[in-house]
Amino acid sequence: AVTNTLIYVFGLIPFSVLLPLAIAILVSDLRGQPRSIYRAIIFTPVLMAPVVVAIIWRWLLHPTQGLTNEVFGLVGIGPFNFLRDADLAIWTIIFITGWKHLGFSVLLFSAGLTNISRDYIEAATMDGASRWQIIRHITLPLLSPTITFTLLLTVLLTAQWTFPLINVLTQGGPLGNTTNVYYMLWEYGFRNFNIGFSSAAAVVFFIAFGVLAVLFLRLMDRFSFYDE
């Protein structure tokens, strides 16, 4: 369960940090109707209940009747049993979780971009700086507090974000390949009624996540660059 949790964390970093950061920067200058369309596409999954998301994707990923396999069949690939294949199941959960929470991270980075003074960008543009140079030397350093904060959320909340999807789609299977620490605690506590083991493990994980939170906060203080 701990190993799977680490896989979830590292697997979600592209969806919670890298891709949202790129999207927020690319669409920061959008205005009018394109901006409204982009917001609808990006933020709708965030507003959906996790159980609803799980049910929709269970239908889309059905091994014989799902739309995903229908599309793959058009190019002669598949079918795939995404939720019961030991090699695919955990990556499927990661993809669905990343898809659902992508808009949340984009929102954080968009808010961070609005706090960057346009004076820096205008001055750099007048001095002949390219768009990449502006991003590299102005935007990213001033977004470092938001980046480290988003990393902190990813590390601390990944197990919580993936739990409802695991519970609905795979029940920790196949062969425990998608079980994370939250699902393990729930399974021992509420399915096997081994309350002692579940409580002891919860205390251990609480301390571990607390230590990680303290380390991240120190990293934020040390490496984040603020506009003074």
C-alpha atoms as a PDB file:
ATOM      1  CA  ALA A   1       0.000   0.000   0.000  1.00  0.00           C
ATOM      2  CA  VAL A   2       2.847   2.407   0.793  1.00  0.00           C
ATOM      3  CA  THR A   3       4.582   1.581  -2.485  1.00  0.00           C
ATOM      4  CA  ASN A   4       1.369   2.122  -4.429  1.00  0.00           C
ATOM      5  CA  THR A   5       0.829   5.430  -2.623  1.00  0.00           C
ATOM      6  CA  LEU A   6       4.274   6.602  -3.736  1.00  0.00           C
ATOM      7  CA  ILE A   7       3.464   5.548  -7.306  1.00  0.00           C
ATOM      8  CA  TYR A   8       0.245   7.561  -7.110  1.00  0.00           C
ATOM      9  CA  VAL A   9       2.128  10.621  -5.831  1.00  0.00           C
ATOM     10  CA  PHE A  10       4.803  10.588  -8.529  1.00  0.00           C
ATOM     11  CA  GLY A  11       2.279   9.625 -11.191  1.00  0.00           C
ATOM     12  CA  LEU A  12       0.053  12.587 -10.331  1.00  0.00           C
ATOM     13  CA  ILE A  13       2.806  15.209 -10.324  1.00  0.00           C
ATOM     14  CA  PRO A  14       2.513  15.731 -14.123  1.00  0.00           C
ATOM     15  CA  PHE A  15      -1.256  16.250 -13.719  1.00  0.00           C
ATOM     16  CA  SER A  16      -1.054  18.429 -10.618  1.00  0.00           C
ATOM     17  CA  VAL A  17       2.058  20.511 -11.346  1.00  0.00           C
ATOM     18  CA  LEU A  18       3.622  20.260 -14.807  1.00  0.00           C
ATOM     19  CA  LEU A  19       0.571  20.181 -17.081  1.00  0.00           C
ATOM     20  CA  PRO A  20      -1.510  22.705 -15.065  1.00  0.00           C
ATOM     21  CA  LEU A  21       1.458  25.079 -14.932  1.00  0.00           C
ATOM     22  CA  ALA A  22       1.859  24.899 -18.718  1.00  0.00           C
ATOM     23  CA  ILE A  23      -1.879  25.362 -19.297  1.00  0.00           C
ATOM     24  CA  ALA A  24      -2.120  28.325 -16.918  1.00  0.00           C
ATOM     25  CA  ILE A  25       0.777  30.087 -18.638  1.00  0.00           C
ATOM     26  CA  LEU A  26      -0.448  29.351 -22.162  1.00  0.00           C
ATOM     27  CA  VAL A  27      -4.017  30.565 -21.575  1.00  0.00           C
ATOM     28  CA  SER A  28      -3.169  33.498 -19.311  1.00  0.00           C
ATOM     29  CA  ASP A  29      -3.770  35.932 -22.194  1.00  0.00           C
ATOM     30  CA  LEU A  30      -7.084  34.434 -23.359  1.00  0.00           C
ATOM     31  CA  ARG A  31     -10.061  36.766 -23.339  1.00  0.00           C
ATOM     32  CA  GLY A  32     -13.727  36.625 -24.292  1.00  0.00           C
ATOM     33  CA  GLN A  33     -15.485  33.462 -25.485  1.00  0.00           C
ATOM     34  CA  PRO A  34     -12.349  31.278 -25.822  1.00  0.00           C
ATOM     35  CA  ARG A  35     -11.632  31.934 -22.136  1.00  0.00           C
ATOM     36  CA  SER A  36     -15.166  30.831 -21.172  1.00  0.00           C
ATOM     37  CA  ILE A  37     -14.875  27.650 -23.240  1.00  0.00           C
ATOM     38  CA  TYR A  38     -11.486  26.838 -21.735  1.00  0.00           C
ATOM     39  CA  ARG A  39     -12.810  27.350 -18.206  1.00  0.00           C
ATOM     40  CA  ALA A  40     -15.775  25.060 -18.848  1.00  0.00           C
ATOM     41  CA  ILE A  41     -13.552  22.280 -20.212  1.00  0.00           C
ATOM     42  CA  ILE A  42     -10.945  22.529 -17.461  1.00  0.00           C
ATOM     43  CA  PHE A  43     -13.090  23.129 -14.377  1.00  0.00           C
ATOM     44  CA  THR A  44     -16.145  20.907 -14.993  1.00  0.00           C
ATOM     45  CA  PRO A  45     -14.415  17.685 -13.771  1.00  0.00           C
ATOM     46  CA  VAL A  46     -13.436  19.407 -10.503  1.00  0.00           C
ATOM     47  CA  LEU A  47     -17.093  20.120  -9.725  1.00  0.00           C
ATOM     48  CA  MET A  48     -18.204  16.530 -10.298  1.00  0.00           C
ATOM     49  CA  ALA A  49     -18.557  14.150  -7.356  1.00  0.00           C
ATOM     50  CA  PRO A  50     -15.827  11.461  -7.304  1.00  0.00           C
ATOM     51  CA  VAL A  51     -18.410   8.659  -7.356  1.00  0.00           C
ATOM     52  CA  VAL A  52     -20.034  10.149 -10.455  1.00  0.00           C
ATOM     53  CA  VAL A  53     -16.628  10.416 -12.113  1.00  0.00           C
ATOM     54  CA  ALA A  54     -15.898   6.777 -11.249  1.00  0.00           C
ATOM     55  CA  ILE A  55     -19.201   5.568 -12.706  1.00  0.00           C
ATOM     56  CA  ILE A  56     -18.692   7.535 -15.946  1.00  0.00           C
ATOM     57  CA  TRP A  57     -15.179   6.159 -16.413  1.00  0.00           C
ATOM     58  CA  ARG A  58     -16.277   2.630 -15.545  1.00  0.00           C
ATOM     59  CA  TRP A  59     -18.667   2.852 -18.481  1.00  0.00           C
ATOM     60  CA  LEU A  60     -16.073   4.442 -20.778  1.00  0.00           C
ATOM     61  CA  LEU A  61     -13.460   1.794 -19.906  1.00  0.00           C
ATOM     62  CA  HIS A  62     -15.745  -1.260 -20.113  1.00  0.00           C
ATOM     63  CA  PRO A  63     -13.701  -4.059 -21.752  1.00  0.00           C
ATOM     64  CA  THR A  64     -16.362  -4.941 -24.359  1.00  0.00           C
ATOM     65  CA  GLN A  65     -18.856  -2.081 -24.537  1.00  0.00           C
ATOM     66  CA  GLY A  66     -16.801   0.937 -23.461  1.00  0.00           C
ATOM     67  CA  LEU A  67     -16.225   3.877 -25.775  1.00  0.00           C
ATOM     68  CA  THR A  68     -12.464   3.782 -25.140  1.00  0.00           C
ATOM     69  CA  ASN A  69     -12.070   0.262 -26.468  1.00  0.00           C
ATOM     70  CA  GLU A  70     -14.381   1.093 -29.357  1.00  0.00           C
ATOM     71  CA  VAL A  71     -12.001   3.879 -30.378  1.00  0.00           C
ATOM     72  CA  PHE A  72      -8.948   1.654 -29.971  1.00  0.00           C
ATOM     73  CA  GLY A  73     -10.709  -1.009 -32.034  1.00  0.00           C
ATOM     74  CA  LEU A  74     -10.958   1.386 -34.972  1.00  0.00           C
ATOM     75  CA  VAL A  75      -7.158   1.359 -35.247  1.00  0.00           C
ATOM     76  CA  GLY A  76      -6.834  -2.342 -34.520  1.00  0.00           C
ATOM     77  CA  ILE A  77      -5.675  -2.084 -30.904  1.00  0.00           C
ATOM     78  CA  GLY A  78      -7.145  -3.836 -27.870  1.00  0.00           C
ATOM     79  CA  PRO A  79      -9.496  -4.493 -26.298  1.00  0.00           C
ATOM     80  CA  PHE A  80      -8.021  -3.668 -22.896  1.00  0.00           C
ATOM     81  CA  ASN A  81      -9.411  -4.436 -19.457  1.00  0.00           C
ATOM     82  CA  PHE A  82      -8.066  -1.251 -17.893  1.00  0.00           C
ATOM     83  CA  LEU A  83      -9.450  -1.844 -14.402  1.00  0.00           C
ATOM     84  CA  ARG A  84      -8.629  -5.559 -14.081  1.00  0.00           C
ATOM     85  CA  ASP A  85      -5.240  -5.706 -15.748  1.00  0.00           C
ATOM     86  CA  ALA A  86      -2.505  -5.791 -13.104  1.00  0.00           C
ATOM     87  CA  ASP A  87      -0.212  -3.641 -15.266  1.00  0.00           C
ATOM     88  CA  LEU A  88      -2.812  -1.042 -16.278  1.00  0.00           C
ATOM     89  CA  ALA A  89      -5.105  -0.634 -13.277  1.00  0.00           C
ATOM     90  CA  ILE A  90      -2.961   1.683 -11.146  1.00  0.00           C
ATOM     91  CA  TRP A  91      -2.091   3.901 -14.128  1.00  0.00           C
ATOM     92  CA  THR A  92      -5.769   4.068 -15.045  1.00  0.00           C
ATOM     93  CA  ILE A  93      -6.611   5.313 -11.539  1.00  0.00           C
ATOM     94  CA  ILE A  94      -3.783   7.860 -11.798  1.00  0.00           C
ATOM     95  CA  PHE A  95      -5.083   9.140 -15.137  1.00  0.00           C
ATOM     96  CA  ILE A  96      -8.671   9.486 -13.930  1.00  0.00           C
ATOM     97  CA  THR A  97      -7.573  11.225 -10.713  1.00  0.00           C
ATOM     98  CA  GLY A  98      -5.311  13.566 -12.664  1.00  0.00           C
ATOM     99  CA  TRP A  99      -8.099  14.367 -15.126  1.00  0.00           C
ATOM    100  CA  LYS A 100     -10.473  15.213 -12.304  1.00  0.00           C
ATOM    101  CA  HIS A 101      -8.093  17.431 -10.326  1.00  0.00           C
ATOM    102  CA  LEU A 102      -6.323  19.107 -13.249  1.00  0.00           C
ATOM    103  CA  GLY A 103      -8.622  22.138 -13.108  1.00  0.00           C
ATOM    104  CA  PHE A 104      -7.963  22.660  -9.403  1.00  0.00           C
ATOM    105  CA  SER A 105      -4.232  22.985  -9.994  1.00  0.00           C
ATOM    106  CA  VAL A 106      -4.799  25.230 -13.022  1.00  0.00           C
ATOM    107  CA  LEU A 107      -6.888  27.466 -10.761  1.00  0.00           C
ATOM    108  CA  LEU A 108      -4.040  27.703  -8.234  1.00  0.00           C
ATOM    109  CA  PHE A 109      -1.480  28.596 -10.886  1.00  0.00           C
ATOM    110  CA  SER A 110      -3.830  31.078 -12.566  1.00  0.00           C
ATOM    111  CA  ALA A 111      -4.292  32.798  -9.207  1.00  0.00           C
ATOM    112  CA  GLY A 112      -0.508  32.861  -8.777  1.00  0.00           C
ATOM    113  CA  LEU A 113      -0.086  34.449 -12.212  1.00  0.00           C
ATOM    114  CA  THR A 114      -2.508  37.241 -11.384  1.00  0.00           C
ATOM    115  CA  ASN A 115      -0.275  38.211  -8.439  1.00  0.00           C
ATOM    116  CA  ILE A 116       2.727  38.775 -10.719  1.00  0.00           C
ATOM    117  CA  SER A 117       3.067  42.450 -11.548  1.00  0.00           C
ATOM    118  CA  ARG A 118       2.767  43.207 -15.256  1.00  0.00           C
ATOM    119  CA  ASP A 119       5.490  45.813 -14.833  1.00  0.00           C
ATOM    120  CA  TYR A 120       8.172  43.106 -14.796  1.00  0.00           C
ATOM    121  CA  ILE A 121       6.886  41.526 -17.996  1.00  0.00           C
ATOM    122  CA  GLU A 122       6.491  44.854 -19.785  1.00  0.00           C
ATOM    123  CA  ALA A 123       9.989  45.942 -18.759  1.00  0.00           C
ATOM    124  CA  ALA A 124      11.473  42.630 -19.936  1.00  0.00           C
ATOM    125  CA  THR A 125       9.595  42.886 -23.240  1.00  0.00           C
ATOM    126  CA  MET A 126      10.920  46.387 -23.827  1.00  0.00           C
ATOM    127  CA  ASP A 127      14.439  45.099 -23.163  1.00  0.00           C
ATOM    128  CA  GLY A 128      13.968  42.476 -25.901  1.00  0.00           C
ATOM    129  CA  ALA A 129      13.360  39.380 -23.772  1.00  0.00           C
ATOM    130  CA  SER A 130      11.646  36.481 -25.545  1.00  0.00           C
ATOM    131  CA  ARG A 131       8.521  34.794 -24.174  1.00  0.00           C
ATOM    132  CA  TRP A 132      10.583  31.834 -22.952  1.00  0.00           C
ATOM    133  CA  GLN A 133      13.069  34.137 -21.209  1.00  0.00           C
ATOM    134  CA  ILE A 134      10.196  35.908 -19.452  1.00  0.00           C
ATOM    135  CA  ILE A 135       8.764  32.577 -18.312  1.00  0.00           C
ATOM    136  CA  ARG A 136      12.172  31.236 -17.248  1.00  0.00           C
ATOM    137  CA  HIS A 137      13.483  34.275 -15.379  1.00  0.00           C
ATOM    138  CA  ILE A 138      10.322  36.047 -14.180  1.00  0.00           C
ATOM    139  CA  THR A 139       7.214  33.866 -14.198  1.00  0.00           C
ATOM    140  CA  LEU A 140       8.614  30.614 -12.795  1.00  0.00           C
ATOM    141  CA  PRO A 141      10.626  32.202  -9.942  1.00  0.00           C
ATOM    142  CA  LEU A 142       7.624  34.273  -8.843  1.00  0.00           C
ATOM    143  CA  LEU A 143       5.410  31.170  -9.078  1.00  0.00           C
ATOM    144  CA  SER A 144       7.763  29.097  -6.893  1.00  0.00           C
ATOM    145  CA  PRO A 145       5.561  29.481  -3.743  1.00  0.00           C
ATOM    146  CA  THR A 146       2.553  28.207  -5.706  1.00  0.00           C
ATOM    147  CA  ILE A 147       4.564  25.346  -7.202  1.00  0.00           C
ATOM    148  CA  THR A 148       5.832  24.137  -3.826  1.00  0.00           C
ATOM    149  CA  PHE A 149       2.358  24.533  -2.296  1.00  0.00           C
ATOM    150  CA  THR A 150       0.837  22.433  -5.099  1.00  0.00           C
ATOM    151  CA  LEU A 151       3.523  19.785  -4.586  1.00  0.00           C
ATOM    152  CA  LEU A 152       2.665  19.752  -0.878  1.00  0.00           C
ATOM    153  CA  LEU A 153      -1.025  19.204  -1.651  1.00  0.00           C
ATOM    154  CA  THR A 154      -0.170  16.415  -4.094  1.00  0.00           C
ATOM    155  CA  VAL A 155       1.971  14.549  -1.576  1.00  0.00           C
ATOM    156  CA  LEU A 156      -0.477  14.912   1.320  1.00  0.00           C
ATOM    157  CA  LEU A 157      -3.794  14.472  -0.518  1.00  0.00           C
ATOM    158  CA  THR A 158      -3.057  11.952  -3.281  1.00  0.00           C
ATOM    159  CA  ALA A 159      -4.196   8.993  -1.156  1.00  0.00           C
ATOM    160  CA  GLN A 160      -7.399  10.853  -0.299  1.00  0.00           C
ATOM    161  CA  TRP A 161      -8.056  11.877  -3.921  1.00  0.00           C
ATOM    162  CA  THR A 162      -7.634   8.329  -5.230  1.00  0.00           C
ATOM    163  CA  PHE A 163      -9.583   6.568  -2.466  1.00  0.00           C
ATOM    164  CA  PRO A 164     -13.145   6.991  -3.857  1.00  0.00           C
ATOM    165  CA  LEU A 165     -12.041   5.915  -7.338  1.00  0.00           C
ATOM    166  CA  ILE A 166     -10.299   2.841  -5.950  1.00  0.00           C
ATOM    167  CA  ASN A 167     -13.338   1.995  -3.839  1.00  0.00           C
ATOM    168  CA  VAL A 168     -15.761   2.194  -6.765  1.00  0.00           C
ATOM    169  CA  LEU A 169     -13.639   0.948  -9.665  1.00  0.00           C
ATOM    170  CA  THR A 170     -11.142  -1.658  -8.415  1.00  0.00           C
ATOM    171  CA  GLN A 171     -11.722  -2.305  -4.686  1.00  0.00           C
ATOM    172  CA  GLY A 172      -7.946  -2.335  -4.311  1.00  0.00           C
ATOM    173  CA  GLY A 173      -7.447  -4.999  -6.962  1.00  0.00           C
ATOM    174  CA  PRO A 174      -6.365  -6.733  -8.989  1.00  0.00           C
ATOM    175  CA  LEU A 175      -4.270  -8.566  -6.389  1.00  0.00           C
ATOM    176  CA  GLY A 176      -3.886  -5.405  -4.319  1.00  0.00           C
ATOM    177  CA  ASN A 177      -2.143  -3.519  -7.137  1.00  0.00           C
ATOM    178  CA  THR A 178      -4.244  -0.369  -6.639  1.00  0.00           C
ATOM    179  CA  THR A 179      -4.502  -0.380  -2.824  1.00  0.00           C
ATOM    180  CA  ASN A 180      -3.168   2.756  -1.159  1.00  0.00           C
ATOM    181  CA  VAL A 181      -2.775   3.609   2.525  1.00  0.00           C
ATOM    182  CA  TYR A 182      -6.245   5.175   2.835  1.00  0.00           C
ATOM    183  CA  TYR A 183      -7.957   2.212   1.249  1.00  0.00           C
ATOM    184  CA  MET A 184      -5.951  -0.200   3.397  1.00  0.00           C
ATOM    185  CA  LEU A 185      -7.005   1.647   6.569  1.00  0.00           C
ATOM    186  CA  TRP A 186     -10.643   1.616   5.458  1.00  0.00           C
ATOM    187  CA  GLU A 187     -10.520  -2.063   4.509  1.00  0.00           C
ATOM    188  CA  TYR A 188      -9.038  -3.170   7.838  1.00  0.00           C
ATOM    189  CA  GLY A 189     -11.243  -0.857   9.877  1.00  0.00           C
ATOM    190  CA  PHE A 190     -14.625  -1.166   8.170  1.00  0.00           C
ATOM    191  CA  ARG A 191     -14.513  -4.394   6.199  1.00  0.00           C
ATOM    192  CA  ASN A 192     -12.411  -6.690   8.399  1.00  0.00           C
ATOM    193  CA  PHE A 193     -13.258  -4.807  11.623  1.00  0.00           C
ATOM    194  CA  ASN A 194      -9.641  -5.005  12.742  1.00  0.00           C
ATOM    195  CA  ILE A 195      -9.949  -1.669  14.508  1.00  0.00           C
ATOM    196  CA  GLY A 196      -6.707  -2.003  16.501  1.00  0.00           C
ATOM    197  CA  PHE A 197      -4.514  -2.518  13.451  1.00  0.00           C
ATOM    198  CA  SER A 198      -6.321   0.179  11.482  1.00  0.00           C
ATOM    199  CA  SER A 199      -5.983   2.714  14.304  1.00  0.00           C
ATOM    200  CA  ALA A 200      -2.295   1.945  14.860  1.00  0.00           C
ATOM    201  CA  ALA A 201      -1.536   2.270  11.147  1.00  0.00           C
ATOM    202  CA  ALA A 202      -3.500   5.537  11.019  1.00  0.00           C
ATOM    203  CA  VAL A 203      -1.332   6.998  13.786  1.00  0.00           C
ATOM    204  CA  VAL A 204       1.852   5.945  11.977  1.00  0.00           C
ATOM    205  CA  PHE A 205       0.683   7.450   8.689  1.00  0.00           C
ATOM    206  CA  PHE A 206      -0.465  10.627  10.442  1.00  0.00           C
ATOM    207  CA  ILE A 207       3.030  11.091  11.885  1.00  0.00           C
ATOM    208  CA  ALA A 208       4.668  10.297   8.528  1.00  0.00           C
ATOM    209  CA  PHE A 209       2.500  12.774   6.621  1.00  0.00           C
ATOM    210  CA  GLY A 210       3.059  15.359   9.368  1.00  0.00           C
ATOM    211  CA  VAL A 211       6.831  15.037   8.953  1.00  0.00           C
ATOM    212  CA  LEU A 212       6.465  15.426   5.183  1.00  0.00           C
ATOM    213  CA  ALA A 213       4.335  18.536   5.683  1.00  0.00           C
ATOM    214  CA  VAL A 214       6.977  20.112   7.942  1.00  0.00           C
ATOM    215  CA  LEU A 215       9.730  19.324   5.418  1.00  0.00           C
ATOM    216  CA  PHE A 216       7.734  20.874   2.587  1.00  0.00           C
ATOM    217  CA  LEU A 217       7.021  23.995   4.607  1.00  0.00           C
ATOM    218  CA  ARG A 218      10.739  24.403   5.252  1.00  0.00           C
ATOM    219  CA  LEU A 219      11.457  23.893   1.572  1.00  0.00           C
ATOM    220  CA  MET A 220       8.878  26.575   0.763  1.00  0.00           C
ATOM    221  CA  ASP A 221      10.616  29.023   3.094  1.00  0.00           C
ATOM    222  CA  ARG A 222      14.044  28.209   1.720  1.00  0.00           C
ATOM    223  CA  PHE A 223      13.515  27.958  -2.029  1.00  0.00           C
ATOM    224  CA  SER A 224      10.444  30.086  -2.740  1.00  0.00           C
ATOM    225  CA  PHE A 225      11.064  33.498  -4.277  1.00  0.00           C
ATOM    226  CA  TYR A 226       8.701  36.284  -3.242  1.00  0.00           C
ATOM    227  CA  ASP A 227       8.115  39.653  -4.829  1.00  0.00           C
ATOM    228  CA  GLU A 228       9.212  42.097  -2.142  1.00  0.00           C
END
